[in-house]
């Protein structure tokens, strides 16, 4: 296992389970490390392909997490001069003014 990227020796081993345990910051740290390693240019081809695949997984994970946060932010809307939290269906939650 590569300690810096969190990758298994066999890249096919449960990347989804590994991704589920990462928060946004951890995924970004791993992605930045992968980009840095690939930018150096002295990575063997097979490892570069594995790093690229892992980087794409991490990029998708970060995108999903950002979309989740964006949806949460969008649930806070202004109504009658007051901020109220809305659920995703668009109904105001009772008594939750901000």
PDB file of N, CA and C in Angstrom:
ATOM      1  N   UNK A   1       0.847  -1.190   0.000  1.00  0.00           N
ATOM      2  CA  UNK A   1       0.000   0.000   0.000  1.00  0.00           C
ATOM      3  C   UNK A   1       0.879   1.235   0.000  1.00  0.00           C
ATOM      4  N   UNK A   2       0.550   2.202  -0.841  1.00  0.00           N
ATOM      5  CA  UNK A   2       1.268   3.463  -0.881  1.00  0.00           C
ATOM      6  C   UNK A   2       0.671   4.358   0.186  1.00  0.00           C
ATOM      7  N   UNK A   3       1.440   4.697   1.210  1.00  0.00           N
ATOM      8  CA  UNK A   3       0.923   5.484   2.332  1.00  0.00           C
ATOM      9  C   UNK A   3       0.469   6.871   1.933  1.00  0.00           C
ATOM     10  N   UNK A   4       1.061   7.454   0.905  1.00  0.00           N
ATOM     11  CA  UNK A   4       0.712   8.812   0.527  1.00  0.00           C
ATOM     12  C   UNK A   4      -0.582   8.912  -0.246  1.00  0.00           C
ATOM     13  N   UNK A   5      -0.930   7.882  -1.012  1.00  0.00           N
ATOM     14  CA  UNK A   5      -2.138   7.968  -1.814  1.00  0.00           C
ATOM     15  C   UNK A   5      -3.234   7.056  -1.318  1.00  0.00           C
ATOM     16  N   UNK A   6      -2.919   6.167  -0.382  1.00  0.00           N
ATOM     17  CA  UNK A   6      -3.939   5.267   0.146  1.00  0.00           C
ATOM     18  C   UNK A   6      -4.312   4.176  -0.829  1.00  0.00           C
ATOM     19  N   UNK A   7      -3.465   3.903  -1.836  1.00  0.00           N
ATOM     20  CA  UNK A   7      -3.790   2.908  -2.843  1.00  0.00           C
ATOM     21  C   UNK A   7      -3.308   1.543  -2.409  1.00  0.00           C
ATOM     22  N   UNK A   8      -4.048   0.530  -2.774  1.00  0.00           N
ATOM     23  CA  UNK A   8      -3.669  -0.851  -2.528  1.00  0.00           C
ATOM     24  C   UNK A   8      -2.632  -1.275  -3.565  1.00  0.00           C
ATOM     25  N   UNK A   9      -1.859  -2.307  -3.249  1.00  0.00           N
ATOM     26  CA  UNK A   9      -0.906  -2.838  -4.210  1.00  0.00           C
ATOM     27  C   UNK A   9      -1.641  -3.324  -5.444  1.00  0.00           C
ATOM     28  N   UNK A  10      -2.824  -3.927  -5.271  1.00  0.00           N
ATOM     29  CA  UNK A  10      -3.676  -4.327  -6.372  1.00  0.00           C
ATOM     30  C   UNK A  10      -4.762  -3.264  -6.512  1.00  0.00           C
ATOM     31  N   UNK A  11      -4.667  -2.442  -7.543  1.00  0.00           N
ATOM     32  CA  UNK A  11      -5.546  -1.293  -7.687  1.00  0.00           C
ATOM     33  C   UNK A  11      -7.007  -1.678  -7.822  1.00  0.00           C
ATOM     34  N   UNK A  12      -7.325  -2.922  -8.156  1.00  0.00           N
ATOM     35  CA  UNK A  12      -8.701  -3.318  -8.342  1.00  0.00           C
ATOM     36  C   UNK A  12      -9.426  -3.603  -7.041  1.00  0.00           C
ATOM     37  N   UNK A  13      -8.769  -3.514  -5.901  1.00  0.00           N
ATOM     38  CA  UNK A  13      -9.368  -3.877  -4.626  1.00  0.00           C
ATOM     39  C   UNK A  13     -10.230  -2.765  -4.059  1.00  0.00           C
ATOM     40  N   UNK A  14     -11.513  -2.933  -4.105  1.00  0.00           N
ATOM     41  CA  UNK A  14     -12.524  -2.132  -3.412  1.00  0.00           C
ATOM     42  C   UNK A  14     -12.274  -0.626  -3.360  1.00  0.00           C
ATOM     43  N   UNK A  15     -12.137   0.032  -4.519  1.00  0.00           N
ATOM     44  CA  UNK A  15     -11.958   1.479  -4.460  1.00  0.00           C
ATOM     45  C   UNK A  15     -13.201   2.186  -3.945  1.00  0.00           C
ATOM     46  N   UNK A  16     -14.384   1.635  -4.163  1.00  0.00           N
ATOM     47  CA  UNK A  16     -15.608   2.269  -3.687  1.00  0.00           C
ATOM     48  C   UNK A  16     -15.637   2.287  -2.164  1.00  0.00           C
ATOM     49  N   UNK A  17     -15.273   1.179  -1.531  1.00  0.00           N
ATOM     50  CA  UNK A  17     -15.265   1.111  -0.071  1.00  0.00           C
ATOM     51  C   UNK A  17     -14.221   2.072   0.483  1.00  0.00           C
ATOM     52  N   UNK A  18     -13.089   2.157  -0.186  1.00  0.00           N
ATOM     53  CA  UNK A  18     -12.034   3.071   0.237  1.00  0.00           C
ATOM     54  C   UNK A  18     -12.506   4.519   0.115  1.00  0.00           C
ATOM     55  N   UNK A  19     -13.205   4.848  -0.979  1.00  0.00           N
ATOM     56  CA  UNK A  19     -13.716   6.199  -1.188  1.00  0.00           C
ATOM     57  C   UNK A  19     -14.763   6.571  -0.153  1.00  0.00           C
ATOM     58  N   UNK A  20     -15.583   5.606   0.261  1.00  0.00           N
ATOM     59  CA  UNK A  20     -16.665   5.898   1.202  1.00  0.00           C
ATOM     60  C   UNK A  20     -16.122   6.380   2.544  1.00  0.00           C
ATOM     61  N   UNK A  21     -14.912   6.002   2.866  1.00  0.00           N
ATOM     62  CA  UNK A  21     -14.327   6.370   4.151  1.00  0.00           C
ATOM     63  C   UNK A  21     -13.643   7.738   4.114  1.00  0.00           C
ATOM     64  N   UNK A  22     -13.463   8.303   2.936  1.00  0.00           N
ATOM     65  CA  UNK A  22     -12.737   9.563   2.815  1.00  0.00           C
ATOM     66  C   UNK A  22     -13.683  10.757   2.947  1.00  0.00           C
ATOM     67  N   UNK A  23     -13.215  11.796   3.632  1.00  0.00           N
ATOM     68  CA  UNK A  23     -13.957  13.050   3.591  1.00  0.00           C
ATOM     69  C   UNK A  23     -13.368  13.876   2.446  1.00  0.00           C
ATOM     70  N   UNK A  24     -13.954  15.041   2.203  1.00  0.00           N
ATOM     71  CA  UNK A  24     -13.531  15.868   1.076  1.00  0.00           C
ATOM     72  C   UNK A  24     -12.055  16.245   1.167  1.00  0.00           C
ATOM     73  N   UNK A  25     -11.624  16.671   2.343  1.00  0.00           N
ATOM     74  CA  UNK A  25     -10.243  17.119   2.505  1.00  0.00           C
ATOM     75  C   UNK A  25      -9.248  15.987   2.273  1.00  0.00           C
ATOM     76  N   UNK A  26      -9.565  14.798   2.765  1.00  0.00           N
ATOM     77  CA  UNK A  26      -8.680  13.651   2.560  1.00  0.00           C
ATOM     78  C   UNK A  26      -8.598  13.290   1.077  1.00  0.00           C
ATOM     79  N   UNK A  27      -9.726  13.309   0.404  1.00  0.00           N
ATOM     80  CA  UNK A  27      -9.743  12.995  -1.025  1.00  0.00           C
ATOM     81  C   UNK A  27      -8.939  14.030  -1.808  1.00  0.00           C
ATOM     82  N   UNK A  28      -9.087  15.304  -1.460  1.00  0.00           N
ATOM     83  CA  UNK A  28      -8.320  16.350  -2.146  1.00  0.00           C
ATOM     84  C   UNK A  28      -6.826  16.198  -1.890  1.00  0.00           C
ATOM     85  N   UNK A  29      -6.444  15.870  -0.662  1.00  0.00           N
ATOM     86  CA  UNK A  29      -5.026  15.662  -0.352  1.00  0.00           C
ATOM     87  C   UNK A  29      -4.443  14.537  -1.208  1.00  0.00           C
ATOM     88  N   UNK A  30      -5.178  13.426  -1.292  1.00  0.00           N
ATOM     89  CA  UNK A  30      -4.707  12.308  -2.109  1.00  0.00           C
ATOM     90  C   UNK A  30      -4.629  12.699  -3.578  1.00  0.00           C
ATOM     91  N   UNK A  31      -5.635  13.428  -4.043  1.00  0.00           N
ATOM     92  CA  UNK A  31      -5.647  13.855  -5.436  1.00  0.00           C
ATOM     93  C   UNK A  31      -4.471  14.786  -5.740  1.00  0.00           C
ATOM     94  N   UNK A  32      -4.189  15.713  -4.843  1.00  0.00           N
ATOM     95  CA  UNK A  32      -3.052  16.620  -5.028  1.00  0.00           C
ATOM     96  C   UNK A  32      -1.736  15.849  -5.074  1.00  0.00           C
ATOM     97  N   UNK A  33      -1.610  14.832  -4.222  1.00  0.00           N
ATOM     98  CA  UNK A  33      -0.384  14.022  -4.227  1.00  0.00           C
ATOM     99  C   UNK A  33      -0.237  13.292  -5.569  1.00  0.00           C
ATOM    100  N   UNK A  34      -1.326  12.735  -6.060  1.00  0.00           N
ATOM    101  CA  UNK A  34      -1.290  12.017  -7.337  1.00  0.00           C
ATOM    102  C   UNK A  34      -0.898  12.959  -8.463  1.00  0.00           C
ATOM    103  N   UNK A  35      -1.503  14.135  -8.502  1.00  0.00           N
ATOM    104  CA  UNK A  35      -1.183  15.108  -9.551  1.00  0.00           C
ATOM    105  C   UNK A  35       0.296  15.483  -9.481  1.00  0.00           C
ATOM    106  N   UNK A  36       0.781  15.722  -8.280  1.00  0.00           N
ATOM    107  CA  UNK A  36       2.189  16.079  -8.108  1.00  0.00           C
ATOM    108  C   UNK A  36       3.100  14.966  -8.616  1.00  0.00           C
ATOM    109  N   UNK A  37       2.769  13.745  -8.263  1.00  0.00           N
ATOM    110  CA  UNK A  37       3.585  12.604  -8.689  1.00  0.00           C
ATOM    111  C   UNK A  37       3.568  12.449 -10.209  1.00  0.00           C
ATOM    112  N   UNK A  38       2.392  12.628 -10.826  1.00  0.00           N
ATOM    113  CA  UNK A  38       2.295  12.509 -12.276  1.00  0.00           C
ATOM    114  C   UNK A  38       3.018  13.660 -12.979  1.00  0.00           C
ATOM    115  N   UNK A  39       2.982  14.848 -12.397  1.00  0.00           N
ATOM    116  CA  UNK A  39       3.651  16.001 -12.997  1.00  0.00           C
ATOM    117  C   UNK A  39       5.164  15.856 -13.005  1.00  0.00           C
ATOM    118  N   UNK A  40       5.714  15.070 -12.089  1.00  0.00           N
ATOM    119  CA  UNK A  40       7.164  14.872 -12.060  1.00  0.00           C
ATOM    120  C   UNK A  40       7.640  14.159 -13.324  1.00  0.00           C
ATOM    121  N   UNK A  41       6.778  13.316 -13.879  1.00  0.00           N
ATOM    122  CA  UNK A  41       7.081  12.697 -15.164  1.00  0.00           C
ATOM    123  C   UNK A  41       7.981  11.487 -15.123  1.00  0.00           C
ATOM    124  N   UNK A  42       8.460  11.077 -13.963  1.00  0.00           N
ATOM    125  CA  UNK A  42       9.359   9.921 -13.903  1.00  0.00           C
ATOM    126  C   UNK A  42       8.651   8.682 -13.359  1.00  0.00           C
ATOM    127  N   UNK A  43       7.351   8.603 -13.555  1.00  0.00           N
ATOM    128  CA  UNK A  43       6.551   7.477 -13.079  1.00  0.00           C
ATOM    129  C   UNK A  43       6.454   6.447 -14.205  1.00  0.00           C
ATOM    130  N   UNK A  44       6.715   5.175 -13.901  1.00  0.00           N
ATOM    131  CA  UNK A  44       6.559   4.132 -14.923  1.00  0.00           C
ATOM    132  C   UNK A  44       5.128   4.131 -15.475  1.00  0.00           C
ATOM    133  N   UNK A  45       4.971   3.743 -16.710  1.00  0.00           N
ATOM    134  CA  UNK A  45       3.695   3.812 -17.410  1.00  0.00           C
ATOM    135  C   UNK A  45       2.566   3.112 -16.662  1.00  0.00           C
ATOM    136  N   UNK A  46       2.778   1.885 -16.210  1.00  0.00           N
ATOM    137  CA  UNK A  46       1.719   1.146 -15.509  1.00  0.00           C
ATOM    138  C   UNK A  46       1.288   1.869 -14.238  1.00  0.00           C
ATOM    139  N   UNK A  47       2.249   2.385 -13.485  1.00  0.00           N
ATOM    140  CA  UNK A  47       1.914   3.120 -12.271  1.00  0.00           C
ATOM    141  C   UNK A  47       1.196   4.424 -12.616  1.00  0.00           C
ATOM    142  N   UNK A  48       1.623   5.080 -13.693  1.00  0.00           N
ATOM    143  CA  UNK A  48       0.967   6.322 -14.110  1.00  0.00           C
ATOM    144  C   UNK A  48      -0.498   6.069 -14.462  1.00  0.00           C
ATOM    145  N   UNK A  49      -0.765   4.954 -15.116  1.00  0.00           N
ATOM    146  CA  UNK A  49      -2.148   4.606 -15.460  1.00  0.00           C
ATOM    147  C   UNK A  49      -2.951   4.361 -14.189  1.00  0.00           C
ATOM    148  N   UNK A  50      -2.372   3.613 -13.249  1.00  0.00           N
ATOM    149  CA  UNK A  50      -3.055   3.354 -11.974  1.00  0.00           C
ATOM    150  C   UNK A  50      -3.313   4.660 -11.219  1.00  0.00           C
ATOM    151  N   UNK A  51      -2.311   5.539 -11.190  1.00  0.00           N
ATOM    152  CA  UNK A  51      -2.472   6.823 -10.513  1.00  0.00           C
ATOM    153  C   UNK A  51      -3.558   7.664 -11.183  1.00  0.00           C
ATOM    154  N   UNK A  52      -3.568   7.651 -12.503  1.00  0.00           N
ATOM    155  CA  UNK A  52      -4.579   8.413 -13.233  1.00  0.00           C
ATOM    156  C   UNK A  52      -5.979   7.891 -12.917  1.00  0.00           C
ATOM    157  N   UNK A  53      -6.142   6.565 -12.913  1.00  0.00           N
ATOM    158  CA  UNK A  53      -7.450   5.987 -12.593  1.00  0.00           C
ATOM    159  C   UNK A  53      -7.888   6.354 -11.180  1.00  0.00           C
ATOM    160  N   UNK A  54      -6.978   6.261 -10.232  1.00  0.00           N
ATOM    161  CA  UNK A  54      -7.294   6.622  -8.847  1.00  0.00           C
ATOM    162  C   UNK A  54      -7.629   8.113  -8.759  1.00  0.00           C
ATOM    163  N   UNK A  55      -6.888   8.930  -9.480  1.00  0.00           N
ATOM    164  CA  UNK A  55      -7.164  10.359  -9.507  1.00  0.00           C
ATOM    165  C   UNK A  55      -8.549  10.666 -10.051  1.00  0.00           C
ATOM    166  N   UNK A  56      -8.965   9.943 -11.076  1.00  0.00           N
ATOM    167  CA  UNK A  56     -10.304  10.146 -11.630  1.00  0.00           C
ATOM    168  C   UNK A  56     -11.377   9.763 -10.607  1.00  0.00           C
ATOM    169  N   UNK A  57     -11.153   8.671  -9.874  1.00  0.00           N
ATOM    170  CA  UNK A  57     -12.102   8.264  -8.828  1.00  0.00           C
ATOM    171  C   UNK A  57     -12.204   9.341  -7.751  1.00  0.00           C
ATOM    172  N   UNK A  58     -11.059   9.844  -7.337  1.00  0.00           N
ATOM    173  CA  UNK A  58     -11.040  10.875  -6.300  1.00  0.00           C
ATOM    174  C   UNK A  58     -11.699  12.164  -6.791  1.00  0.00           C
ATOM    175  N   UNK A  59     -11.463  12.502  -8.055  1.00  0.00           N
ATOM    176  CA  UNK A  59     -12.076  13.690  -8.635  1.00  0.00           C
ATOM    177  C   UNK A  59     -13.600  13.566  -8.638  1.00  0.00           C
ATOM    178  N   UNK A  60     -14.104  12.399  -9.012  1.00  0.00           N
ATOM    179  CA  UNK A  60     -15.551  12.168  -8.998  1.00  0.00           C
ATOM    180  C   UNK A  60     -16.102  12.247  -7.580  1.00  0.00           C
ATOM    181  N   UNK A  61     -15.384  11.671  -6.638  1.00  0.00           N
ATOM    182  CA  UNK A  61     -15.811  11.713  -5.239  1.00  0.00           C
ATOM    183  C   UNK A  61     -15.892  13.153  -4.744  1.00  0.00           C
ATOM    184  N   UNK A  62     -14.871  13.944  -5.045  1.00  0.00           N
ATOM    185  CA  UNK A  62     -14.873  15.351  -4.624  1.00  0.00           C
ATOM    186  C   UNK A  62     -16.034  16.095  -5.266  1.00  0.00           C
ATOM    187  N   UNK A  63     -16.283  15.836  -6.543  1.00  0.00           N
ATOM    188  CA  UNK A  63     -17.400  16.471  -7.227  1.00  0.00           C
ATOM    189  C   UNK A  63     -18.734  16.118  -6.592  1.00  0.00           C
ATOM    190  N   UNK A  64     -18.899  14.845  -6.225  1.00  0.00           N
ATOM    191  CA  UNK A  64     -20.141  14.411  -5.571  1.00  0.00           C
ATOM    192  C   UNK A  64     -20.311  15.092  -4.222  1.00  0.00           C
ATOM    193  N   UNK A  65     -19.229  15.161  -3.466  1.00  0.00           N
ATOM    194  CA  UNK A  65     -19.320  15.793  -2.151  1.00  0.00           C
ATOM    195  C   UNK A  65     -19.644  17.282  -2.281  1.00  0.00           C
ATOM    196  N   UNK A  66     -19.075  17.951  -3.270  1.00  0.00           N
ATOM    197  CA  UNK A  66     -19.381  19.362  -3.491  1.00  0.00           C
ATOM    198  C   UNK A  66     -20.841  19.556  -3.901  1.00  0.00           C
ATOM    199  N   UNK A  67     -21.354  18.646  -4.726  1.00  0.00           N
ATOM    200  CA  UNK A  67     -22.767  18.721  -5.121  1.00  0.00           C
ATOM    201  C   UNK A  67     -23.681  18.550  -3.909  1.00  0.00           C
ATOM    202  N   UNK A  68     -23.324  17.648  -3.003  1.00  0.00           N
ATOM    203  CA  UNK A  68     -24.120  17.450  -1.792  1.00  0.00           C
ATOM    204  C   UNK A  68     -24.154  18.726  -0.956  1.00  0.00           C
ATOM    205  N   UNK A  69     -23.004  19.360  -0.809  1.00  0.00           N
ATOM    206  CA  UNK A  69     -22.938  20.599  -0.033  1.00  0.00           C
ATOM    207  C   UNK A  69     -23.752  21.688  -0.731  1.00  0.00           C
ATOM    208  N   UNK A  70     -23.637  21.761  -2.041  1.00  0.00           N
ATOM    209  CA  UNK A  70     -24.391  22.766  -2.792  1.00  0.00           C
ATOM    210  C   UNK A  70     -25.895  22.574  -2.605  1.00  0.00           C
ATOM    211  N   UNK A  71     -26.354  21.326  -2.646  1.00  0.00           N
ATOM    212  CA  UNK A  71     -27.785  21.057  -2.425  1.00  0.00           C
ATOM    213  C   UNK A  71     -28.206  21.479  -1.020  1.00  0.00           C
ATOM    214  N   UNK A  72     -27.359  21.235  -0.038  1.00  0.00           N
ATOM    215  CA  UNK A  72     -27.680  21.649   1.328  1.00  0.00           C
ATOM    216  C   UNK A  72     -27.779  23.164   1.425  1.00  0.00           C
ATOM    217  N   UNK A  73     -26.866  23.859   0.786  1.00  0.00           N
ATOM    218  CA  UNK A  73     -26.886  25.319   0.815  1.00  0.00           C
ATOM    219  C   UNK A  73     -28.135  25.838   0.117  1.00  0.00           C
ATOM    220  N   UNK A  74     -28.503  25.211  -0.986  1.00  0.00           N
ATOM    221  CA  UNK A  74     -29.674  25.653  -1.732  1.00  0.00           C
ATOM    222  C   UNK A  74     -30.975  25.440  -0.965  1.00  0.00           C
ATOM    223  N   UNK A  75     -30.936  24.594   0.058  1.00  0.00           N
ATOM    224  CA  UNK A  75     -32.151  24.367   0.838  1.00  0.00           C
ATOM    225  C   UNK A  75     -32.458  25.525   1.768  1.00  0.00           C
ATOM    226  N   UNK A  76     -31.491  26.429   1.938  1.00  0.00           N
ATOM    227  CA  UNK A  76     -31.730  27.609   2.768  1.00  0.00           C
ATOM    228  C   UNK A  76     -32.173  28.726   1.823  1.00  0.00           C
ATOM    229  N   UNK A  77     -33.395  29.127   1.959  1.00  0.00           N
ATOM    230  CA  UNK A  77     -33.941  30.151   1.063  1.00  0.00           C
ATOM    231  C   UNK A  77     -34.521  31.298   1.876  1.00  0.00           C
ATOM    232  N   UNK A  78     -34.669  32.421   1.230  1.00  0.00           N
ATOM    233  CA  UNK A  78     -35.225  33.580   1.909  1.00  0.00           C
ATOM    234  C   UNK A  78     -36.739  33.603   1.677  1.00  0.00           C
ATOM    235  N   UNK A  79     -37.501  33.662   2.771  1.00  0.00           N
ATOM    236  CA  UNK A  79     -38.947  33.758   2.696  1.00  0.00           C
ATOM    237  C   UNK A  79     -39.405  34.887   3.601  1.00  0.00           C
ATOM    238  N   UNK A  80     -40.156  35.821   3.071  1.00  0.00           N
ATOM    239  CA  UNK A  80     -40.704  36.916   3.861  1.00  0.00           C
ATOM    240  C   UNK A  80     -39.641  37.614   4.699  1.00  0.00           C
ATOM    241  N   UNK A  81     -38.468  37.799   4.134  1.00  0.00           N
ATOM    242  CA  UNK A  81     -37.411  38.497   4.846  1.00  0.00           C
ATOM    243  C   UNK A  81     -36.690  37.653   5.880  1.00  0.00           C
ATOM    244  N   UNK A  82     -37.078  36.402   6.051  1.00  0.00           N
ATOM    245  CA  UNK A  82     -36.432  35.512   7.014  1.00  0.00           C
ATOM    246  C   UNK A  82     -35.858  34.314   6.266  1.00  0.00           C
ATOM    247  N   UNK A  83     -34.758  33.814   6.769  1.00  0.00           N
ATOM    248  CA  UNK A  83     -34.190  32.611   6.188  1.00  0.00           C
ATOM    249  C   UNK A  83     -34.845  31.395   6.816  1.00  0.00           C
ATOM    250  N   UNK A  84     -35.291  30.514   5.991  1.00  0.00           N
ATOM    251  CA  UNK A  84     -35.896  29.268   6.461  1.00  0.00           C
ATOM    252  C   UNK A  84     -35.226  28.106   5.739  1.00  0.00           C
ATOM    253  N   UNK A  85     -35.073  27.030   6.449  1.00  0.00           N
ATOM    254  CA  UNK A  85     -34.508  25.834   5.850  1.00  0.00           C
ATOM    255  C   UNK A  85     -35.620  25.085   5.132  1.00  0.00           C
ATOM    256  N   UNK A  86     -35.337  24.607   3.932  1.00  0.00           N
ATOM    257  CA  UNK A  86     -36.296  23.803   3.176  1.00  0.00           C
ATOM    258  C   UNK A  86     -35.693  22.418   2.969  1.00  0.00           C
ATOM    259  N   UNK A  87     -36.539  21.420   2.943  1.00  0.00           N
ATOM    260  CA  UNK A  87     -36.037  20.099   2.581  1.00  0.00           C
ATOM    261  C   UNK A  87     -35.934  20.040   1.060  1.00  0.00           C
ATOM    262  N   UNK A  88     -35.428  18.961   0.527  1.00  0.00           N
ATOM    263  CA  UNK A  88     -35.199  18.877  -0.909  1.00  0.00           C
ATOM    264  C   UNK A  88     -36.488  18.911  -1.710  1.00  0.00           C
ATOM    265  N   UNK A  89     -37.613  18.529  -1.102  1.00  0.00           N
ATOM    266  CA  UNK A  89     -38.891  18.558  -1.799  1.00  0.00           C
ATOM    267  C   UNK A  89     -39.436  19.973  -1.894  1.00  0.00           C
ATOM    268  N   UNK A  90     -38.826  20.929  -1.204  1.00  0.00           N
ATOM    269  CA  UNK A  90     -39.230  22.313  -1.299  1.00  0.00           C
ATOM    270  C   UNK A  90     -40.199  22.765  -0.236  1.00  0.00           C
ATOM    271  N   UNK A  91     -40.523  21.912   0.737  1.00  0.00           N
ATOM    272  CA  UNK A  91     -41.427  22.291   1.803  1.00  0.00           C
ATOM    273  C   UNK A  91     -40.640  22.884   2.960  1.00  0.00           C
ATOM    274  N   UNK A  92     -41.114  23.996   3.507  1.00  0.00           N
ATOM    275  CA  UNK A  92     -40.418  24.613   4.647  1.00  0.00           C
ATOM    276  C   UNK A  92     -40.580  23.731   5.865  1.00  0.00           C
ATOM    277  N   UNK A  93     -39.475  23.565   6.612  1.00  0.00           N
ATOM    278  CA  UNK A  93     -39.538  22.818   7.866  1.00  0.00           C
ATOM    279  C   UNK A  93     -40.165  23.700   8.910  1.00  0.00           C
ATOM    280  N   UNK A  94     -40.974  23.129   9.774  1.00  0.00           N
ATOM    281  CA  UNK A  94     -41.721  23.922  10.735  1.00  0.00           C
ATOM    282  C   UNK A  94     -40.795  24.520  11.791  1.00  0.00           C
ATOM    283  N   UNK A  95     -40.949  25.816  12.003  1.00  0.00           N
ATOM    284  CA  UNK A  95     -40.300  26.494  13.114  1.00  0.00           C
ATOM    285  C   UNK A  95     -38.808  26.634  13.010  1.00  0.00           C
ATOM    286  N   UNK A  96     -38.194  26.426  11.868  1.00  0.00           N
ATOM    287  CA  UNK A  96     -36.742  26.535  11.778  1.00  0.00           C
ATOM    288  C   UNK A  96     -36.370  27.786  11.007  1.00  0.00           C
ATOM    289  N   UNK A  97     -36.369  28.897  11.678  1.00  0.00           N
ATOM    290  CA  UNK A  97     -35.915  30.141  11.068  1.00  0.00           C
ATOM    291  C   UNK A  97     -34.450  30.335  11.427  1.00  0.00           C
ATOM    292  N   UNK A  98     -33.722  31.020  10.568  1.00  0.00           N
ATOM    293  CA  UNK A  98     -32.312  31.303  10.812  1.00  0.00           C
ATOM    294  C   UNK A  98     -32.120  32.771  11.039  1.00  0.00           C
TER     295      UNK A  98
END
